[in-house]
Protein backbone atom coordinates (compact mmCIF):
# COMPACT_ATOMS: atom_id res chain seq x y z
CA UNK A 1 110.25 -31.31 57.38
CA UNK A 2 109.97 -31.20 54.13
CA UNK A 3 108.85 -27.25 53.14
CA UNK A 4 106.45 -26.64 50.41
CA UNK A 5 107.30 -23.67 48.37
CA UNK A 6 104.73 -20.71 48.61
CA UNK A 7 102.17 -21.18 46.18
CA UNK A 8 98.85 -18.70 45.83
CA UNK A 9 95.55 -19.18 47.53
CA UNK A 10 93.04 -21.33 45.11
CA UNK A 11 90.83 -18.66 46.51
CA UNK A 12 93.50 -16.18 44.53
CA UNK A 13 93.80 -18.69 41.71
CA UNK A 14 90.16 -17.90 40.44
CA UNK A 15 90.09 -14.55 40.53
CA UNK A 16 93.47 -13.69 38.60
CA UNK A 17 92.09 -16.47 36.36
CA UNK A 18 88.55 -14.07 35.70
CA UNK A 19 90.44 -11.28 35.52
CA UNK A 20 92.62 -12.87 32.38
CA UNK A 21 89.23 -13.91 31.21
CA UNK A 22 88.03 -10.58 31.03
CA UNK A 23 90.91 -9.17 30.17
CA UNK A 24 91.05 -10.63 27.22
CA UNK A 25 87.54 -9.99 26.43
CA UNK A 26 87.73 -7.03 26.29
CA UNK A 27 90.55 -6.87 23.63
CA UNK A 28 89.12 -6.16 19.58
CA UNK A 29 89.07 -9.56 17.95
CA UNK A 30 87.82 -10.74 14.78
CA UNK A 31 88.97 -14.42 14.41
CA UNK A 32 85.32 -14.80 12.24
CA UNK A 33 85.62 -11.63 10.48
CA UNK A 34 87.17 -13.10 7.29
CA UNK A 35 86.80 -9.48 5.08
CA UNK A 36 85.15 -6.39 5.66
CA UNK A 37 84.66 -3.71 2.42
CA UNK A 38 83.70 -0.07 4.28
CA UNK A 39 84.19 1.68 0.94
CA UNK A 40 85.64 4.35 2.81
CA UNK A 41 88.75 4.97 1.64
CA UNK A 42 88.03 6.51 -2.09
CA UNK A 43 92.02 7.82 -2.92
CA UNK A 44 92.60 4.33 -5.25
CA UNK A 45 89.53 4.77 -7.91
CA UNK A 46 90.10 1.40 -8.78
CA UNK A 47 90.53 -0.80 -5.17
CA UNK A 48 88.18 -1.58 -2.17
CA UNK A 49 89.65 -1.88 0.95
CA UNK A 50 88.78 -4.44 2.90
CA UNK A 51 89.85 -3.58 6.54
CA UNK A 52 89.97 -6.65 8.19
CA UNK A 53 92.71 -6.80 8.06
CA UNK A 54 93.22 -10.06 5.79
CA UNK A 55 94.02 -8.56 2.69
CA UNK A 56 91.03 -9.41 0.90
CA UNK A 57 90.80 -5.90 -1.29
CA UNK A 58 88.75 -6.17 -4.12
CA UNK A 59 89.02 -4.67 -7.64
CA UNK A 60 86.47 -2.46 -9.30
CA UNK A 61 85.34 -3.24 -12.74
CA UNK A 62 83.10 -1.26 -15.17
CA UNK A 63 81.49 2.18 -14.07
CA UNK A 64 81.59 1.24 -10.36
CA UNK A 65 82.92 4.29 -8.59
CA UNK A 66 82.68 5.42 -5.21
CA UNK A 67 80.17 8.10 -3.90
CA UNK A 68 80.76 11.50 -3.04
CA UNK A 69 81.49 12.36 0.28
CA UNK A 70 79.08 11.43 3.13
CA UNK A 71 77.15 9.30 0.38
CA UNK A 72 77.22 6.16 2.84
CA UNK A 73 74.43 5.08 5.09
CA UNK A 74 75.76 7.23 8.31
CA UNK A 75 75.74 10.71 5.33
CA UNK A 76 78.33 12.10 7.83
CA UNK A 77 81.49 13.21 5.89
CA UNK A 78 84.68 10.71 5.58
CA UNK A 79 81.24 8.46 4.92
CA UNK A 80 81.51 7.19 1.17
CA UNK A 81 78.96 3.60 -0.36
CA UNK A 82 79.81 1.85 -3.47
CA UNK A 83 77.57 2.95 -6.65
CA UNK A 84 76.91 0.51 -9.21
CA UNK A 85 74.62 2.46 -11.54
CA UNK A 86 72.20 1.60 -13.95
CA UNK A 87 71.13 -2.06 -14.33
CA UNK A 88 73.55 -4.99 -16.47
CA UNK A 89 76.20 -2.20 -17.18
CA UNK A 90 78.65 -4.42 -16.26
CA UNK A 91 79.58 -2.43 -12.54
CA UNK A 92 81.26 -4.68 -9.98
CA UNK A 93 83.58 -5.51 -6.89
CA UNK A 94 86.25 -8.14 -8.34
CA UNK A 95 87.57 -10.70 -5.20
CA UNK A 96 90.69 -12.12 -6.63
CA UNK A 97 91.62 -13.79 -3.56
CA UNK A 98 88.62 -15.60 -3.45
CA UNK A 99 90.53 -18.67 -5.51
CA UNK A 100 93.67 -18.27 -3.58
CA UNK A 101 92.00 -19.48 -0.79
CA UNK A 102 90.34 -16.68 1.01
CA UNK A 103 87.39 -18.08 1.87
CA UNK A 104 87.72 -22.35 2.31
CA UNK A 105 86.92 -21.60 5.90
CA UNK A 106 83.61 -21.15 4.81
CA UNK A 107 83.72 -24.12 3.47
CA UNK A 108 85.07 -25.93 6.01
CA UNK A 109 82.88 -24.72 8.18
CA UNK A 110 79.04 -24.68 6.31
CA UNK A 111 78.27 -21.82 7.77
CA UNK A 112 78.68 -17.83 6.79
CA UNK A 113 76.80 -14.44 7.47
CA UNK A 114 77.14 -11.72 5.20
CA UNK A 115 75.94 -8.72 6.19
CA UNK A 116 75.83 -5.19 3.55
CA UNK A 117 73.98 -1.95 3.65
CA UNK A 118 72.13 -1.51 0.43
CA UNK A 119 70.00 0.98 -1.46
CA UNK A 120 68.30 -0.13 -4.38
CA UNK A 121 68.15 2.58 -7.66
CA UNK A 122 64.26 3.95 -8.43
CA UNK A 123 64.30 1.42 -11.56
CA UNK A 124 64.08 -1.10 -9.08
CA UNK A 125 62.54 -4.88 -9.19
CA UNK A 126 65.09 -6.10 -11.26
CA UNK A 127 66.75 -9.09 -12.31
CA UNK A 128 69.98 -8.24 -11.23
CA UNK A 129 72.60 -9.59 -8.12
CA UNK A 130 73.41 -8.37 -5.03
CA UNK A 131 76.78 -10.76 -4.41
CA UNK A 132 77.56 -13.89 -5.49
CA UNK A 133 80.22 -16.51 -4.20
CA UNK A 134 81.15 -19.52 -7.30
CA UNK A 135 82.99 -22.98 -7.38
CA UNK A 136 85.31 -23.65 -10.49
CA UNK A 137 82.25 -24.70 -12.10
CA UNK A 138 80.23 -20.96 -11.65
CA UNK A 139 77.95 -22.82 -9.51
CA UNK A 140 76.53 -20.05 -6.75
CA UNK A 141 77.77 -21.41 -3.74
CA UNK A 142 76.90 -17.95 -2.04
CA UNK A 143 74.20 -16.21 -3.91
CA UNK A 144 71.51 -13.32 -3.80
CA UNK A 145 69.02 -10.85 -5.84
CA UNK A 146 67.85 -7.73 -3.33
CA UNK A 147 65.34 -7.98 -4.64
CA UNK A 148 64.46 -10.31 -7.91
CA UNK A 149 62.17 -8.38 -10.63
CA UNK A 150 59.10 -9.94 -9.24
CA UNK A 151 60.11 -8.85 -5.68
CA UNK A 152 60.87 -11.98 -4.23
CA UNK A 153 64.24 -12.16 -2.83
CA UNK A 154 66.36 -14.70 -2.65
CA UNK A 155 68.85 -16.26 -0.85
CA UNK A 156 71.06 -19.29 -2.23
CA UNK A 157 73.82 -21.39 -1.01
CA UNK A 158 75.99 -24.42 -2.30
CA UNK A 159 74.29 -24.62 -5.23
CA UNK A 160 71.08 -23.15 -7.52
CA UNK A 161 67.01 -23.40 -6.83
CA UNK A 162 65.61 -26.24 -5.56
CA UNK A 163 63.75 -25.16 -3.02
CA UNK A 164 65.11 -26.99 0.36
CA UNK A 165 67.98 -27.47 -0.69
CA UNK A 166 69.83 -24.80 -1.90
CA UNK A 167 67.13 -21.55 -0.91
CA UNK A 168 65.42 -19.92 0.55
CA UNK A 169 62.84 -16.90 -0.88
CA UNK A 170 60.04 -14.33 0.63
CA UNK A 171 58.24 -11.62 -1.16
CA UNK A 172 59.16 -8.44 -0.25
CA UNK A 173 56.01 -6.12 -1.55
CA UNK A 174 57.19 -3.16 0.51
CA UNK A 175 58.72 -1.30 -2.19
CA UNK A 176 60.65 1.30 0.71
CA UNK A 177 62.58 -2.24 1.45
CA UNK A 178 64.57 -2.52 -1.55
CA UNK A 179 64.64 0.91 -3.36
CA UNK A 180 64.71 4.71 -2.14
CA UNK A 181 66.93 4.16 0.85
CA UNK A 182 68.95 2.89 3.36
CA UNK A 183 67.85 -0.79 4.27
CA UNK A 184 70.52 -3.58 6.20
CA UNK A 185 70.02 -7.18 4.96
CA UNK A 186 72.21 -10.09 6.63
CA UNK A 187 72.28 -13.62 5.04
CA UNK A 188 72.83 -16.35 7.58
CA UNK A 189 74.23 -20.26 5.94
CA UNK A 190 73.95 -22.20 9.38
CA UNK A 191 74.88 -25.78 8.72
CA UNK A 192 71.34 -27.05 7.17
CA UNK A 193 69.24 -23.87 8.09
CA UNK A 194 69.46 -20.92 6.03
CA UNK A 195 68.18 -17.01 7.24
CA UNK A 196 67.38 -13.74 6.00
CA UNK A 197 67.55 -10.59 8.83
CA UNK A 198 66.07 -7.48 7.78
CA UNK A 199 66.49 -4.07 9.05
CA UNK A 200 67.76 -6.70 12.21
CA UNK A 201 64.35 -8.67 12.58
CA UNK A 202 64.25 -12.20 11.88
CA UNK A 203 62.60 -11.60 8.03
CA UNK A 204 62.85 -14.98 6.90
CA UNK A 205 63.83 -18.77 7.27
CA UNK A 206 64.57 -22.51 6.18
CA UNK A 207 65.94 -25.06 5.26
CA UNK A 208 68.85 -25.37 2.91
CA UNK A 209 70.49 -29.39 2.94
CA UNK A 210 73.13 -28.40 0.90
CA UNK A 211 76.51 -27.69 1.70
CA UNK A 212 79.17 -24.60 1.08
CA UNK A 213 80.61 -26.22 -2.03
CA UNK A 214 85.14 -24.38 -2.02
CA UNK A 215 84.74 -21.09 -3.51
CA UNK A 216 87.00 -19.53 -5.35
CA UNK A 217 85.43 -16.65 -7.77
CA UNK A 218 83.80 -13.88 -5.90
CA UNK A 219 81.88 -10.86 -6.86
CA UNK A 220 79.89 -8.25 -5.20
CA UNK A 221 77.70 -6.31 -7.37
CA UNK A 222 76.78 -8.83 -9.79
CA UNK A 223 77.33 -12.38 -11.07
CA UNK A 224 80.92 -13.91 -11.32
CA UNK A 225 81.02 -12.68 -15.06
CA UNK A 226 79.55 -9.42 -14.85
CA UNK A 227 75.64 -10.07 -15.85
CA UNK A 228 72.89 -9.60 -14.02
CA UNK A 229 74.73 -6.23 -12.91
CA UNK A 230 73.59 -4.29 -9.23
CA UNK A 231 71.30 -1.53 -9.35
CA UNK A 232 71.69 0.60 -6.80
CA UNK A 233 74.44 1.25 -4.20
CA UNK A 234 75.95 -0.69 -1.44
CA UNK A 235 77.41 -0.25 2.11
CA UNK A 236 79.61 -1.70 5.02
CA UNK A 237 79.31 -5.49 3.30
CA UNK A 238 81.16 -7.94 5.40
CA UNK A 239 81.76 -11.75 5.34
CA UNK A 240 82.23 -13.84 8.40
CA UNK A 241 83.10 -17.75 8.44
CA UNK A 242 80.30 -18.25 11.48
CA UNK A 243 76.90 -17.86 12.38
CA UNK A 244 76.12 -14.27 14.03
CA UNK A 245 73.72 -14.17 16.60
CA UNK A 246 70.97 -12.43 16.50
CA UNK A 247 71.59 -9.72 19.06
CA UNK A 248 74.66 -8.36 17.20
CA UNK A 249 73.10 -8.68 14.26
CA UNK A 250 70.30 -6.30 15.91
CA UNK A 251 73.56 -3.78 16.43
CA UNK A 252 74.90 -3.65 12.88
CA UNK A 253 71.69 -2.45 11.83
CA UNK A 254 71.64 0.15 14.84
CA UNK A 255 74.84 1.49 13.06
CA UNK A 256 78.29 -0.86 14.35
CA UNK A 257 80.77 -1.42 11.96
CA UNK A 258 81.69 -4.93 11.44
CA UNK A 259 84.82 -4.47 12.75
CA UNK A 260 82.95 -3.76 16.68
CA UNK A 261 81.12 -7.16 16.21
CA UNK A 262 83.42 -9.02 19.15
CA UNK A 263 85.32 -12.25 19.01
CA UNK A 264 82.68 -15.35 19.31
CA UNK A 265 85.24 -17.57 21.35
CA UNK A 266 86.22 -14.78 23.11
CA UNK A 267 82.63 -14.21 24.81
CA UNK A 268 83.25 -18.17 25.16
CA UNK A 269 86.29 -17.48 27.78
CA UNK A 270 84.37 -15.10 29.56
CA UNK A 271 81.57 -16.95 30.08
CA UNK A 272 83.79 -19.64 31.25
CA UNK A 273 85.66 -17.53 33.53
CA UNK A 274 82.24 -15.79 35.77
CA UNK A 275 81.72 -19.28 35.87
CA UNK A 276 84.42 -20.42 37.59
CA UNK A 277 85.20 -17.76 39.73
CA UNK A 278 80.71 -18.22 40.62
CA UNK A 279 81.44 -21.95 41.62
CA UNK A 280 84.20 -20.88 43.66
CA UNK A 281 82.14 -18.49 45.60
CA UNK A 282 79.60 -21.26 46.47
CA UNK A 283 82.37 -23.99 47.49
CA UNK A 284 82.86 -21.25 50.52
CA UNK A 285 79.40 -20.78 51.50
């Protein structure tokens, strides 16, 4: 008689798999988070630290400066923001790691999410630029205005400036949405679709057929050359190479930090584990 080695039962194997997957899902991971500037480490007045763990630190240029303590969106001690001052003063945060491929996954995926809190100064609306990511010829791959001087909020991807190819935009007549108080905005490029979220809600969307090209320049608070610098403040600026789902965007608008957003692959594993356990229970009935 052949003696077989002892093996765990199928039921035990399924339970072990489910537990392992659940434990994996509980571990924080940000595979899709490319950079996160919380602007809270003001000890170095010329550096904006990237706390995503990817080392995409920014360099402050011109009169860009940290606010006083508690000047960030929460108003709590230890929360700072980045103040770019008045329009067209050259203030900006330059992202030099773009030249070494820091944002290549956005190009490869043709997908991006950019989230931030923004507070426009009283001089708004102005012809200024919120942020920009550009290719080697300085063509805009990702760029936004909140708002332009015409009170339109613009989101350009893959170039400029044809509606349906590169651009979506919409007029925002409510001044409180772009000056005088903090508002949360998320800009999404998801393949051939673009979306703008305002304070956690889908505010505008449309088709944008142009793909994101290679990004070699990145700037927060102005164009790549420092022109059109933004009149206002920003906080919790983050970039993902995935299209965040709406419930996560709502969480960010409710006060979650980008480091609290889960990795999409982690939730997929959790779902597979749950499906496996459910299938095993059905089989036993």
